[in-house]
Amino acid sequence: MVAEAIGAPYKKQYIDLRKGEQRDPDYLALDLMGKVPTMVDDDLLLTESVAIQIYMARKS
């Protein structure tokens, strides 16, 4: 929602928690804890929704 509000470009990837997709090897390569949401920006990895929102708001 923050990306939409500030007009920031982003790529969505849907993760089906009911199917356990957050435990797929490709997702765990990003975040070993399998937390959702996860945001990657260059070398920065954020896995807490509030931290992601604050980061995006400050970056804009």
PDB file of N, CA and C in Angstrom:
ATOM      1  N   MET A   1       0.824  -1.189   0.000  1.00  0.00           N
ATOM      2  CA  MET A   1       0.000   0.000   0.000  1.00  0.00           C
ATOM      3  C   MET A   1       0.869   1.254   0.000  1.00  0.00           C
ATOM      4  N   VAL A   2       1.965   1.211   0.734  1.00  0.00           N
ATOM      5  CA  VAL A   2       2.848   2.375   0.794  1.00  0.00           C
ATOM      6  C   VAL A   2       3.455   2.635  -0.582  1.00  0.00           C
ATOM      7  N   ALA A   3       3.888   1.594  -1.255  1.00  0.00           N
ATOM      8  CA  ALA A   3       4.475   1.768  -2.596  1.00  0.00           C
ATOM      9  C   ALA A   3       3.466   2.417  -3.536  1.00  0.00           C
ATOM     10  N   GLU A   4       2.237   1.987  -3.477  1.00  0.00           N
ATOM     11  CA  GLU A   4       1.180   2.591  -4.300  1.00  0.00           C
ATOM     12  C   GLU A   4       0.980   4.051  -3.928  1.00  0.00           C
ATOM     13  N   ALA A   5       0.936   4.334  -2.651  1.00  0.00           N
ATOM     14  CA  ALA A   5       0.669   5.695  -2.179  1.00  0.00           C
ATOM     15  C   ALA A   5       1.755   6.679  -2.580  1.00  0.00           C
ATOM     16  N   ILE A   6       3.010   6.227  -2.577  1.00  0.00           N
ATOM     17  CA  ILE A   6       4.102   7.148  -2.912  1.00  0.00           C
ATOM     18  C   ILE A   6       4.550   7.032  -4.359  1.00  0.00           C
ATOM     19  N   GLY A   7       3.923   6.114  -5.107  1.00  0.00           N
ATOM     20  CA  GLY A   7       4.254   5.958  -6.520  1.00  0.00           C
ATOM     21  C   GLY A   7       5.599   5.290  -6.762  1.00  0.00           C
ATOM     22  N   ALA A   8       6.041   4.471  -5.817  1.00  0.00           N
ATOM     23  CA  ALA A   8       7.319   3.787  -5.959  1.00  0.00           C
ATOM     24  C   ALA A   8       7.153   2.524  -6.805  1.00  0.00           C
ATOM     25  N   PRO A   9       8.114   2.245  -7.662  1.00  0.00           N
ATOM     26  CA  PRO A   9       8.027   0.998  -8.433  1.00  0.00           C
ATOM     27  C   PRO A   9       8.282  -0.205  -7.523  1.00  0.00           C
ATOM     28  N   TYR A  10       7.598  -1.297  -7.794  1.00  0.00           N
ATOM     29  CA  TYR A  10       7.795  -2.504  -7.000  1.00  0.00           C
ATOM     30  C   TYR A  10       7.348  -3.718  -7.793  1.00  0.00           C
ATOM     31  N   LYS A  11       7.793  -4.866  -7.346  1.00  0.00           N
ATOM     32  CA  LYS A  11       7.394  -6.126  -7.967  1.00  0.00           C
ATOM     33  C   LYS A  11       6.715  -6.967  -6.893  1.00  0.00           C
ATOM     34  N   LYS A  12       5.484  -7.371  -7.150  1.00  0.00           N
ATOM     35  CA  LYS A  12       4.739  -8.211  -6.210  1.00  0.00           C
ATOM     36  C   LYS A  12       5.031  -9.672  -6.487  1.00  0.00           C
ATOM     37  N   GLN A  13       5.131 -10.418  -5.422  1.00  0.00           N
ATOM     38  CA  GLN A  13       5.215 -11.864  -5.541  1.00  0.00           C
ATOM     39  C   GLN A  13       4.266 -12.441  -4.502  1.00  0.00           C
ATOM     40  N   TYR A  14       3.266 -13.146  -4.968  1.00  0.00           N
ATOM     41  CA  TYR A  14       2.282 -13.723  -4.051  1.00  0.00           C
ATOM     42  C   TYR A  14       2.825 -15.008  -3.444  1.00  0.00           C
ATOM     43  N   ILE A  15       2.702 -15.124  -2.138  1.00  0.00           N
ATOM     44  CA  ILE A  15       3.135 -16.295  -1.392  1.00  0.00           C
ATOM     45  C   ILE A  15       1.900 -16.894  -0.724  1.00  0.00           C
ATOM     46  N   ASP A  16       1.580 -18.121  -1.066  1.00  0.00           N
ATOM     47  CA  ASP A  16       0.408 -18.791  -0.490  1.00  0.00           C
ATOM     48  C   ASP A  16       0.825 -19.465   0.815  1.00  0.00           C
ATOM     49  N   LEU A  17       0.457 -18.832   1.917  1.00  0.00           N
ATOM     50  CA  LEU A  17       0.825 -19.359   3.229  1.00  0.00           C
ATOM     51  C   LEU A  17       0.147 -20.696   3.519  1.00  0.00           C
ATOM     52  N   ARG A  18      -1.062 -20.878   3.006  1.00  0.00           N
ATOM     53  CA  ARG A  18      -1.774 -22.136   3.239  1.00  0.00           C
ATOM     54  C   ARG A  18      -1.055 -23.315   2.597  1.00  0.00           C
ATOM     55  N   LYS A  19      -0.369 -23.051   1.486  1.00  0.00           N
ATOM     56  CA  LYS A  19       0.397 -24.103   0.807  1.00  0.00           C
ATOM     57  C   LYS A  19       1.827 -24.199   1.340  1.00  0.00           C
ATOM     58  N   GLY A  20       2.194 -23.294   2.255  1.00  0.00           N
ATOM     59  CA  GLY A  20       3.530 -23.322   2.826  1.00  0.00           C
ATOM     60  C   GLY A  20       4.611 -22.787   1.910  1.00  0.00           C
ATOM     61  N   GLU A  21       4.218 -21.943   0.945  1.00  0.00           N
ATOM     62  CA  GLU A  21       5.192 -21.425  -0.014  1.00  0.00           C
ATOM     63  C   GLU A  21       6.294 -20.605   0.636  1.00  0.00           C
ATOM     64  N   GLN A  22       6.063 -20.101   1.854  1.00  0.00           N
ATOM     65  CA  GLN A  22       7.097 -19.355   2.548  1.00  0.00           C
ATOM     66  C   GLN A  22       8.223 -20.284   3.014  1.00  0.00           C
ATOM     67  N   ARG A  23       8.045 -21.576   2.874  1.00  0.00           N
ATOM     68  CA  ARG A  23       9.075 -22.569   3.226  1.00  0.00           C
ATOM     69  C   ARG A  23       9.743 -23.180   2.000  1.00  0.00           C
ATOM     70  N   ASP A  24       9.383 -22.710   0.813  1.00  0.00           N
ATOM     71  CA  ASP A  24      10.039 -23.188  -0.402  1.00  0.00           C
ATOM     72  C   ASP A  24      11.501 -22.747  -0.394  1.00  0.00           C
ATOM     73  N   PRO A  25      12.378 -23.556  -0.939  1.00  0.00           N
ATOM     74  CA  PRO A  25      13.804 -23.207  -0.955  1.00  0.00           C
ATOM     75  C   PRO A  25      14.108 -21.846  -1.585  1.00  0.00           C
ATOM     76  N   ASP A  26      13.390 -21.480  -2.636  1.00  0.00           N
ATOM     77  CA  ASP A  26      13.632 -20.177  -3.279  1.00  0.00           C
ATOM     78  C   ASP A  26      13.312 -19.027  -2.327  1.00  0.00           C
ATOM     79  N   TYR A  27      12.231 -19.162  -1.571  1.00  0.00           N
ATOM     80  CA  TYR A  27      11.868 -18.103  -0.626  1.00  0.00           C
ATOM     81  C   TYR A  27      12.819 -18.099   0.564  1.00  0.00           C
ATOM     82  N   LEU A  28      13.180 -19.272   1.054  1.00  0.00           N
ATOM     83  CA  LEU A  28      14.105 -19.357   2.177  1.00  0.00           C
ATOM     84  C   LEU A  28      15.494 -18.845   1.815  1.00  0.00           C
ATOM     85  N   ALA A  29      15.819 -18.831   0.529  1.00  0.00           N
ATOM     86  CA  ALA A  29      17.097 -18.244   0.100  1.00  0.00           C
ATOM     87  C   ALA A  29      17.106 -16.742   0.379  1.00  0.00           C
ATOM     88  N   LEU A  30      15.927 -16.107   0.350  1.00  0.00           N
ATOM     89  CA  LEU A  30      15.816 -14.686   0.689  1.00  0.00           C
ATOM     90  C   LEU A  30      15.794 -14.488   2.194  1.00  0.00           C
ATOM     91  N   ASP A  31      14.989 -15.285   2.874  1.00  0.00           N
ATOM     92  CA  ASP A  31      14.788 -15.120   4.312  1.00  0.00           C
ATOM     93  C   ASP A  31      14.739 -16.494   4.969  1.00  0.00           C
ATOM     94  N   LEU A  32      15.794 -16.844   5.684  1.00  0.00           N
ATOM     95  CA  LEU A  32      15.889 -18.169   6.304  1.00  0.00           C
ATOM     96  C   LEU A  32      14.767 -18.459   7.288  1.00  0.00           C
ATOM     97  N   MET A  33      14.166 -17.410   7.836  1.00  0.00           N
ATOM     98  CA  MET A  33      13.072 -17.600   8.786  1.00  0.00           C
ATOM     99  C   MET A  33      11.726 -17.802   8.080  1.00  0.00           C
ATOM    100  N   GLY A  34      11.666 -17.550   6.783  1.00  0.00           N
ATOM    101  CA  GLY A  34      10.427 -17.724   6.031  1.00  0.00           C
ATOM    102  C   GLY A  34       9.348 -16.734   6.411  1.00  0.00           C
ATOM    103  N   LYS A  35       9.757 -15.531   6.832  1.00  0.00           N
ATOM    104  CA  LYS A  35       8.776 -14.526   7.256  1.00  0.00           C
ATOM    105  C   LYS A  35       8.160 -13.816   6.050  1.00  0.00           C
ATOM    106  N   VAL A  36       6.914 -13.451   6.211  1.00  0.00           N
ATOM    107  CA  VAL A  36       6.179 -12.705   5.186  1.00  0.00           C
ATOM    108  C   VAL A  36       5.598 -11.484   5.875  1.00  0.00           C
ATOM    109  N   PRO A  37       5.766 -10.290   5.356  1.00  0.00           N
ATOM    110  CA  PRO A  37       6.355  -9.950   4.072  1.00  0.00           C
ATOM    111  C   PRO A  37       7.877  -9.866   4.148  1.00  0.00           C
ATOM    112  N   THR A  38       8.472  -9.903   2.981  1.00  0.00           N
ATOM    113  CA  THR A  38       9.909  -9.713   2.827  1.00  0.00           C
ATOM    114  C   THR A  38      10.113  -8.698   1.720  1.00  0.00           C
ATOM    115  N   MET A  39      11.009  -7.754   1.950  1.00  0.00           N
ATOM    116  CA  MET A  39      11.347  -6.772   0.922  1.00  0.00           C
ATOM    117  C   MET A  39      12.854  -6.792   0.713  1.00  0.00           C
ATOM    118  N   VAL A  40      13.248  -6.840  -0.552  1.00  0.00           N
ATOM    119  CA  VAL A  40      14.658  -6.776  -0.909  1.00  0.00           C
ATOM    120  C   VAL A  40      14.857  -5.533  -1.757  1.00  0.00           C
ATOM    121  N   ASP A  41      15.828  -4.704  -1.361  1.00  0.00           N
ATOM    122  CA  ASP A  41      16.180  -3.509  -2.125  1.00  0.00           C
ATOM    123  C   ASP A  41      17.699  -3.483  -2.215  1.00  0.00           C
ATOM    124  N   ASP A  42      18.228  -3.871  -3.368  1.00  0.00           N
ATOM    125  CA  ASP A  42      19.669  -4.053  -3.554  1.00  0.00           C
ATOM    126  C   ASP A  42      20.174  -5.047  -2.514  1.00  0.00           C
ATOM    127  N   ASP A  43      21.042  -4.625  -1.616  1.00  0.00           N
ATOM    128  CA  ASP A  43      21.602  -5.526  -0.599  1.00  0.00           C
ATOM    129  C   ASP A  43      20.823  -5.501   0.713  1.00  0.00           C
ATOM    130  N   LEU A  44      19.754  -4.733   0.783  1.00  0.00           N
ATOM    131  CA  LEU A  44      18.973  -4.605   2.013  1.00  0.00           C
ATOM    132  C   LEU A  44      17.819  -5.603   2.015  1.00  0.00           C
ATOM    133  N   LEU A  45      17.672  -6.316   3.120  1.00  0.00           N
ATOM    134  CA  LEU A  45      16.577  -7.249   3.306  1.00  0.00           C
ATOM    135  C   LEU A  45      15.795  -6.832   4.543  1.00  0.00           C
ATOM    136  N   LEU A  46      14.491  -6.616   4.382  1.00  0.00           N
ATOM    137  CA  LEU A  46      13.624  -6.270   5.513  1.00  0.00           C
ATOM    138  C   LEU A  46      12.496  -7.286   5.580  1.00  0.00           C
ATOM    139  N   THR A  47      12.155  -7.711   6.811  1.00  0.00           N
ATOM    140  CA  THR A  47      11.119  -8.730   6.961  1.00  0.00           C
ATOM    141  C   THR A  47      10.018  -8.319   7.934  1.00  0.00           C
ATOM    142  N   GLU A  48      10.041  -7.118   8.406  1.00  0.00           N
ATOM    143  CA  GLU A  48       8.988  -6.628   9.293  1.00  0.00           C
ATOM    144  C   GLU A  48       8.172  -5.585   8.539  1.00  0.00           C
ATOM    145  N   SER A  49       6.855  -5.734   8.525  1.00  0.00           N
ATOM    146  CA  SER A  49       6.012  -4.854   7.718  1.00  0.00           C
ATOM    147  C   SER A  49       6.169  -3.386   8.099  1.00  0.00           C
ATOM    148  N   VAL A  50       6.264  -3.083   9.374  1.00  0.00           N
ATOM    149  CA  VAL A  50       6.409  -1.678   9.789  1.00  0.00           C
ATOM    150  C   VAL A  50       7.758  -1.129   9.324  1.00  0.00           C
ATOM    151  N   ALA A  51       8.814  -1.922   9.451  1.00  0.00           N
ATOM    152  CA  ALA A  51      10.135  -1.493   8.989  1.00  0.00           C
ATOM    153  C   ALA A  51      10.132  -1.256   7.485  1.00  0.00           C
ATOM    154  N   ILE A  52       9.444  -2.105   6.744  1.00  0.00           N
ATOM    155  CA  ILE A  52       9.336  -1.943   5.285  1.00  0.00           C
ATOM    156  C   ILE A  52       8.621  -0.633   4.959  1.00  0.00           C
ATOM    157  N   GLN A  53       7.528  -0.362   5.644  1.00  0.00           N
ATOM    158  CA  GLN A  53       6.770   0.862   5.388  1.00  0.00           C
ATOM    159  C   GLN A  53       7.590   2.107   5.718  1.00  0.00           C
ATOM    160  N   ILE A  54       8.273   2.102   6.842  1.00  0.00           N
ATOM    161  CA  ILE A  54       9.095   3.252   7.233  1.00  0.00           C
ATOM    162  C   ILE A  54      10.217   3.450   6.227  1.00  0.00           C
ATOM    163  N   TYR A  55      10.881   2.379   5.842  1.00  0.00           N
ATOM    164  CA  TYR A  55      11.970   2.467   4.869  1.00  0.00           C
ATOM    165  C   TYR A  55      11.484   3.075   3.552  1.00  0.00           C
ATOM    166  N   MET A  56      10.352   2.576   3.054  1.00  0.00           N
ATOM    167  CA  MET A  56       9.831   3.086   1.782  1.00  0.00           C
ATOM    168  C   MET A  56       9.430   4.556   1.897  1.00  0.00           C
ATOM    169  N   ALA A  57       8.802   4.936   2.996  1.00  0.00           N
ATOM    170  CA  ALA A  57       8.379   6.319   3.173  1.00  0.00           C
ATOM    171  C   ALA A  57       9.590   7.246   3.241  1.00  0.00           C
ATOM    172  N   ARG A  58      10.637   6.831   3.923  1.00  0.00           N
ATOM    173  CA  ARG A  58      11.836   7.660   4.026  1.00  0.00           C
ATOM    174  C   ARG A  58      12.619   7.725   2.736  1.00  0.00           C
ATOM    175  N   LYS A  59      12.551   6.670   1.957  1.00  0.00           N
ATOM    176  CA  LYS A  59      13.282   6.615   0.687  1.00  0.00           C
ATOM    177  C   LYS A  59      12.637   7.500  -0.376  1.00  0.00           C
ATOM    178  N   SER A  60      11.347   7.745  -0.247  1.00  0.00           N
ATOM    179  CA  SER A  60      10.639   8.507  -1.296  1.00  0.00           C
ATOM    180  C   SER A  60      10.967   9.988  -1.260  1.00  0.00           C
TER     181      SER A  60
END
